[in-house]
Amino acid sequence: MKQKYNLVGIDGNAYSVMGYVIQAMKRERFSKSEIDDYQADAMSGDYNHLLSVSAEMIDKCNNKL
């Protein structure tokens, strides 16, 4: 099954990754609180933590379909 959202191929800049994930969350109608929680968690560690948290959130966005 083809996924609607995928981090592969997007700009690897941390802000670009977060921006992509936040836009996906908005399209899938996550609440502002959920978006704020994602952003705080993503920014709470190093770049690898950001990628891990972002990949998990993209999976959640894809499973909301």
C-alpha atoms as a PDB file:
ATOM      1  CA  MET A   1       0.000   0.000   0.000  1.00  0.00           C
ATOM      2  CA  LYS A   2       1.379   3.404  -0.983  1.00  0.00           C
ATOM      3  CA  GLN A   3       1.708   5.824   1.898  1.00  0.00           C
ATOM      4  CA  LYS A   4       0.409   9.368   1.625  1.00  0.00           C
ATOM      5  CA  TYR A   5       3.293  10.865   3.630  1.00  0.00           C
ATOM      6  CA  ASN A   6       6.966   9.904   3.519  1.00  0.00           C
ATOM      7  CA  LEU A   7      10.116  11.560   4.846  1.00  0.00           C
ATOM      8  CA  VAL A   8      12.252  10.075   2.066  1.00  0.00           C
ATOM      9  CA  GLY A   9      13.218  12.719  -0.460  1.00  0.00           C
ATOM     10  CA  ILE A  10      12.414  15.816   1.589  1.00  0.00           C
ATOM     11  CA  ASP A  11      15.053  18.373   2.579  1.00  0.00           C
ATOM     12  CA  GLY A  12      17.013  16.996   5.540  1.00  0.00           C
ATOM     13  CA  ASN A  13      17.157  20.334   7.352  1.00  0.00           C
ATOM     14  CA  ALA A  14      15.607  19.930  10.819  1.00  0.00           C
ATOM     15  CA  TYR A  15      13.148  22.788  10.274  1.00  0.00           C
ATOM     16  CA  SER A  16      12.124  21.365   6.903  1.00  0.00           C
ATOM     17  CA  VAL A  17      11.467  17.965   8.462  1.00  0.00           C
ATOM     18  CA  MET A  18       9.374  19.497  11.258  1.00  0.00           C
ATOM     19  CA  GLY A  19       7.526  21.703   8.782  1.00  0.00           C
ATOM     20  CA  TYR A  20       6.659  18.723   6.593  1.00  0.00           C
ATOM     21  CA  VAL A  21       5.411  16.694   9.560  1.00  0.00           C
ATOM     22  CA  ILE A  22       3.380  19.597  10.949  1.00  0.00           C
ATOM     23  CA  GLN A  23       1.730  20.161   7.559  1.00  0.00           C
ATOM     24  CA  ALA A  24       0.874  16.445   7.378  1.00  0.00           C
ATOM     25  CA  MET A  25      -0.589  16.615  10.888  1.00  0.00           C
ATOM     26  CA  LYS A  26      -2.695  19.641   9.953  1.00  0.00           C
ATOM     27  CA  ARG A  27      -3.991  17.885   6.820  1.00  0.00           C
ATOM     28  CA  GLU A  28      -4.951  14.883   8.935  1.00  0.00           C
ATOM     29  CA  ARG A  29      -6.673  17.154  11.454  1.00  0.00           C
ATOM     30  CA  PHE A  30      -4.501  16.576  14.497  1.00  0.00           C
ATOM     31  CA  SER A  31      -5.298  19.031  17.283  1.00  0.00           C
ATOM     32  CA  LYS A  32      -3.129  22.069  18.001  1.00  0.00           C
ATOM     33  CA  SER A  33      -2.170  20.420  21.285  1.00  0.00           C
ATOM     34  CA  GLU A  34      -0.975  17.272  19.483  1.00  0.00           C
ATOM     35  CA  ILE A  35       1.025  19.384  17.036  1.00  0.00           C
ATOM     36  CA  ASP A  36       2.572  21.389  19.874  1.00  0.00           C
ATOM     37  CA  ASP A  37       3.450  18.157  21.713  1.00  0.00           C
ATOM     38  CA  TYR A  38       5.112  16.743  18.585  1.00  0.00           C
ATOM     39  CA  GLN A  39       7.114  19.927  18.060  1.00  0.00           C
ATOM     40  CA  ALA A  40       8.278  20.076  21.693  1.00  0.00           C
ATOM     41  CA  ASP A  41       9.295  16.403  21.648  1.00  0.00           C
ATOM     42  CA  ALA A  42      11.078  16.730  18.289  1.00  0.00           C
ATOM     43  CA  MET A  43      13.099  19.682  19.553  1.00  0.00           C
ATOM     44  CA  SER A  44      13.967  18.079  22.905  1.00  0.00           C
ATOM     45  CA  GLY A  45      16.933  16.066  21.673  1.00  0.00           C
ATOM     46  CA  ASP A  46      19.496  15.758  18.935  1.00  0.00           C
ATOM     47  CA  TYR A  47      18.933  15.387  15.187  1.00  0.00           C
ATOM     48  CA  ASN A  48      18.535  11.598  15.431  1.00  0.00           C
ATOM     49  CA  HIS A  49      15.802  12.073  18.051  1.00  0.00           C
ATOM     50  CA  LEU A  50      14.052  14.550  15.736  1.00  0.00           C
ATOM     51  CA  LEU A  51      14.115  12.011  12.893  1.00  0.00           C
ATOM     52  CA  SER A  52      12.848   9.212  15.122  1.00  0.00           C
ATOM     53  CA  VAL A  53       9.968  11.268  16.536  1.00  0.00           C
ATOM     54  CA  SER A  54       9.123  12.577  13.053  1.00  0.00           C
ATOM     55  CA  ALA A  55       9.079   9.083  11.516  1.00  0.00           C
ATOM     56  CA  GLU A  56       6.730   7.889  14.263  1.00  0.00           C
ATOM     57  CA  MET A  57       4.405  10.830  13.646  1.00  0.00           C
ATOM     58  CA  ILE A  58       4.413  10.261   9.878  1.00  0.00           C
ATOM     59  CA  ASP A  59       3.353   6.646  10.585  1.00  0.00           C
ATOM     60  CA  LYS A  60       0.482   7.996  12.707  1.00  0.00           C
ATOM     61  CA  CYS A  61      -0.518  10.371   9.897  1.00  0.00           C
ATOM     62  CA  ASN A  62      -0.498   7.526   7.388  1.00  0.00           C
ATOM     63  CA  ASN A  63      -2.536   5.278   9.692  1.00  0.00           C
ATOM     64  CA  LYS A  64      -5.227   7.957  10.091  1.00  0.00           C
ATOM     65  CA  LEU A  65      -6.242   7.428   6.449  1.00  0.00           C
END
